[in-house]
Structures are given as structure tokens and as C-alpha cells.
Amino acid sequence: MILKIARMGHPVLRQYAEPVADPQALEIKVLVEDMIETMKDANGAGLAAPQVHVPLRVVIFHVPRGRDAQDQEIGLTVLINPEVEVLGPEIEEAFEGCLSLPEMTGKVKRPAHIRYRGVGLDGEIIEREATGFHARVVQHECDHLDGILYPQRMDDLATFGYVEEMQKAMKQE
């Protein structure tokens, strides 16, 4: 079932999401299936449970081939109760978008190299290191679990705007 995506301003996006007590519970499996369908319908790279009005610590994401210089493809990943650890001082800045801020984009600085850990739907631990877009999408989705939207991470709101307008401006520069 395609779920309604909360947009910036909705209180569910500003709160801290609760940990999932039983990652293998049927209601979590159903939630994840619905989140996958919703993310695909919206043509997104990731989605967090709070974005579909469920304040639980669940995120899903994928990294399509060719999305960044590393050209790494990461298949659909489900992370329940994820944790993110920064692995170095390097920072990368790139434009981000969000299904909760449709048609908007902004430049966000994020740690370039992370390790993340969480539980999959099968109850198994998932632990990976990530760089590039992979690291960015994981951090972006996990921010949703702490009530943070990407504009709150921006240093310069002059780089925040409608995708169409920002693309026009970049072509003129």
C-alpha cells in the first residue's frame, strides 16, 4: 500500500523516533513493504518511517549504479534501529533532496566516510562502511529518526531552493 508522505512542517518529522522492540514483528514487515512501495512510487533513494507518519526507527534505501564517482550499487537495504559512526574528518558537500520537501534541494555538508549498523527484517545485524552517495543517503535517512530535515544541516540557505530554479542558476554560473 502506498502511504502518505509527511511534508516539512508536520510534527512527526520533528520528533525523535522510538526504537523498534521486535524487528521481526509482522507489523514491522508490513510497514517495510509499504515503505518500499511508497519509495518506489515517489522515485526516491530512501525513506524513513517518520516520513510516512510512523515514529519508529526504521529506514530503507538503495544506491543505484552511477549515482556517484564510486559507481557502487547498493541494493535495497532495510535498517531497523540504525546507528551511524563517523570514520574520519573528511567532509563532502552536495545537493540533497527529500520526499518530505518535494521539488526542493539544498547543499549539505556531511561526513564523507561512515560505518552504519542496524538490524534487518530477518533479525540479522547489518554493518557496512560507506562513502559517497551511499554515506549521504544513510545519514540523510537516519537524520529523520532524530527529527532533523536536511535544511537544518545547511550552512548557507542561498543554496536552498526549488530544483528547477537551482538547476537554471547553476547553468548560468
Protein backbone atom coordinates (compact mmCIF):
# COMPACT_ATOMS: atom_id res chain seq x y z
CA MET A 1 0.00 0.00 0.00
CA ILE A 2 1.32 3.44 -0.90
CA LEU A 3 1.48 5.58 2.22
CA LYS A 4 1.06 9.34 2.55
CA ILE A 5 4.40 11.13 2.89
CA ALA A 6 4.62 13.76 5.63
CA ARG A 7 5.85 17.11 4.40
CA MET A 8 8.09 19.62 6.15
CA GLY A 9 6.09 21.30 8.90
CA HIS A 10 4.31 18.15 10.08
CA PRO A 11 5.12 17.42 13.78
CA VAL A 12 6.03 13.74 13.11
CA LEU A 13 9.11 14.97 11.23
CA ARG A 14 10.35 16.95 14.23
CA GLN A 15 10.26 14.22 16.87
CA TYR A 16 12.69 11.54 17.94
CA ALA A 17 11.54 8.14 16.65
CA GLU A 18 11.12 5.25 19.08
CA PRO A 19 13.28 2.11 18.88
CA VAL A 20 11.64 -1.00 17.42
CA ALA A 21 11.26 -3.65 20.14
CA ASP A 22 10.86 -6.63 17.78
CA PRO A 23 12.41 -6.14 14.31
CA GLN A 24 10.80 -9.39 13.12
CA ALA A 25 7.25 -8.45 14.16
CA LEU A 26 4.60 -8.77 11.47
CA GLU A 27 3.62 -5.09 11.75
CA ILE A 28 7.26 -4.09 11.01
CA LYS A 29 7.34 -6.38 7.96
CA VAL A 30 4.09 -4.82 6.68
CA LEU A 31 5.39 -1.30 7.39
CA VAL A 32 8.60 -2.01 5.45
CA GLU A 33 6.70 -3.49 2.49
CA ASP A 34 4.51 -0.37 2.38
CA MET A 35 7.56 1.90 2.71
CA ILE A 36 9.25 0.14 -0.22
CA GLU A 37 6.16 0.57 -2.38
CA THR A 38 5.88 4.23 -1.32
CA MET A 39 9.57 4.97 -2.01
CA LYS A 40 9.40 3.36 -5.45
CA ASP A 41 6.19 5.23 -6.30
CA ALA A 42 7.82 8.54 -5.32
CA ASN A 43 11.05 7.67 -7.17
CA GLY A 44 13.13 8.10 -4.01
CA ALA A 45 16.50 6.72 -2.95
CA GLY A 46 15.48 6.34 0.68
CA LEU A 47 12.64 6.68 3.14
CA ALA A 48 12.38 6.78 6.93
CA ALA A 49 9.34 5.59 8.88
CA PRO A 50 8.62 9.07 10.32
CA GLN A 51 8.17 10.29 6.74
CA VAL A 52 5.13 8.01 6.47
CA HIS A 53 3.75 9.14 9.83
CA VAL A 54 5.20 6.21 11.83
CA PRO A 55 7.59 7.43 14.56
CA LEU A 56 9.76 4.28 14.65
CA ARG A 57 13.48 3.84 13.97
CA VAL A 58 13.19 2.20 10.54
CA VAL A 59 14.85 3.33 7.30
CA ILE A 60 15.09 1.90 3.81
CA PHE A 61 17.40 2.98 0.98
CA HIS A 62 19.19 1.90 -2.17
CA VAL A 63 22.05 3.32 -4.21
CA PRO A 64 21.61 2.99 -7.97
CA ARG A 65 24.72 2.33 -10.09
CA GLY A 66 26.26 5.53 -11.42
CA ARG A 67 24.85 7.74 -8.68
CA ASP A 68 28.33 8.91 -7.67
CA ALA A 69 32.01 8.69 -8.58
CA GLN A 70 32.41 5.38 -6.73
CA ASP A 71 29.79 3.86 -9.09
CA GLN A 72 28.81 1.50 -6.31
CA GLU A 73 25.39 -0.08 -6.40
CA ILE A 74 23.78 -0.97 -3.08
CA GLY A 75 20.60 -2.97 -3.30
CA LEU A 76 17.52 -2.21 -1.27
CA THR A 77 18.52 -2.17 2.39
CA VAL A 78 16.26 -2.19 5.44
CA LEU A 79 17.80 -0.90 8.68
CA ILE A 80 15.95 -1.15 11.95
CA ASN A 81 17.32 0.76 14.97
CA PRO A 82 20.31 2.04 12.95
CA GLU A 83 23.41 3.69 14.35
CA VAL A 84 25.90 5.79 12.39
CA GLU A 85 29.57 6.29 13.27
CA VAL A 86 31.77 8.89 11.53
CA LEU A 87 35.10 7.36 10.47
CA GLY A 88 37.15 10.39 9.52
CA PRO A 89 37.37 14.18 9.42
CA GLU A 90 36.65 14.48 5.68
CA ILE A 91 33.51 16.42 4.80
CA GLU A 92 31.73 16.43 1.45
CA GLU A 93 29.18 18.98 0.26
CA ALA A 94 26.46 18.05 -2.21
CA PHE A 95 22.88 18.88 -3.12
CA GLU A 96 20.21 16.82 -1.40
CA GLY A 97 16.53 16.40 -1.97
CA CYS A 98 13.85 14.83 0.20
CA LEU A 99 10.45 13.31 -0.38
CA SER A 100 9.20 15.43 2.55
CA LEU A 101 10.31 18.62 0.75
CA PRO A 102 9.05 17.93 -2.77
CA GLU A 103 10.72 19.80 -5.61
CA MET A 104 13.27 21.39 -3.24
CA THR A 105 17.05 20.96 -3.00
CA GLY A 106 19.91 22.36 -0.95
CA LYS A 107 23.65 21.95 -0.43
CA VAL A 108 24.51 19.96 2.69
CA LYS A 109 27.90 19.16 4.22
CA ARG A 110 28.19 15.64 5.64
CA PRO A 111 30.96 13.33 6.83
CA ALA A 112 32.42 11.54 3.80
CA HIS A 113 33.16 8.18 5.46
CA ILE A 114 30.87 6.38 7.91
CA ARG A 115 30.10 2.99 9.36
CA TYR A 116 26.50 2.09 9.98
CA ARG A 117 24.90 -0.75 11.82
CA GLY A 118 21.32 -1.90 12.23
CA VAL A 119 19.08 -4.93 12.20
CA GLY A 120 17.50 -6.34 9.05
CA LEU A 121 13.99 -7.75 8.75
CA ASP A 122 15.44 -11.22 9.28
CA GLY A 123 16.82 -10.18 12.67
CA GLU A 124 20.42 -10.31 11.42
CA ILE A 125 22.89 -7.49 12.09
CA ILE A 126 23.85 -5.40 9.05
CA GLU A 127 27.13 -3.49 9.37
CA ARG A 128 28.80 -1.65 6.50
CA GLU A 129 31.21 1.17 5.76
CA ALA A 130 30.05 3.77 3.28
CA THR A 131 31.40 6.71 1.30
CA GLY A 132 29.98 8.97 -1.41
CA PHE A 133 26.25 8.94 -2.09
CA HIS A 134 25.89 5.74 -0.06
CA ALA A 135 27.13 7.54 3.08
CA ARG A 136 24.99 10.60 2.30
CA VAL A 137 21.70 8.70 1.86
CA VAL A 138 22.24 6.70 5.08
CA GLN A 139 22.96 9.87 7.08
CA HIS A 140 20.02 11.71 5.50
CA GLU A 141 17.54 8.92 6.32
CA CYS A 142 18.90 8.41 9.84
CA ASP A 143 18.55 12.17 10.47
CA HIS A 144 14.80 11.70 10.02
CA LEU A 145 14.83 9.36 13.03
CA ASP A 146 16.14 12.21 15.18
CA GLY A 147 13.67 14.79 13.87
CA ILE A 148 16.20 16.50 11.57
CA LEU A 149 15.49 17.62 8.00
CA TYR A 150 18.35 18.50 5.66
CA PRO A 151 17.74 22.29 5.69
CA GLN A 152 18.71 22.19 9.39
CA ARG A 153 22.14 20.89 8.29
CA MET A 154 22.70 23.65 5.73
CA ASP A 155 25.30 26.38 6.27
CA ASP A 156 24.04 28.69 3.54
CA LEU A 157 20.34 29.00 2.74
CA ALA A 158 21.29 30.73 -0.52
CA THR A 159 21.88 27.17 -1.82
CA PHE A 160 18.33 26.12 -0.90
CA GLY A 161 15.53 26.37 -3.41
CA TYR A 162 13.33 24.71 -5.98
CA VAL A 163 15.21 22.09 -8.02
CA GLU A 164 14.16 23.67 -11.32
CA GLU A 165 15.35 27.15 -10.28
CA MET A 166 18.60 25.88 -8.78
CA GLN A 167 19.42 23.97 -12.00
CA LYS A 168 18.79 27.11 -14.07
CA ALA A 169 21.02 29.17 -11.78
CA MET A 170 23.83 26.59 -11.93
CA LYS A 171 23.73 26.61 -15.76
CA GLN A 172 24.13 30.41 -15.74
CA GLU A 173 27.19 30.32 -13.47
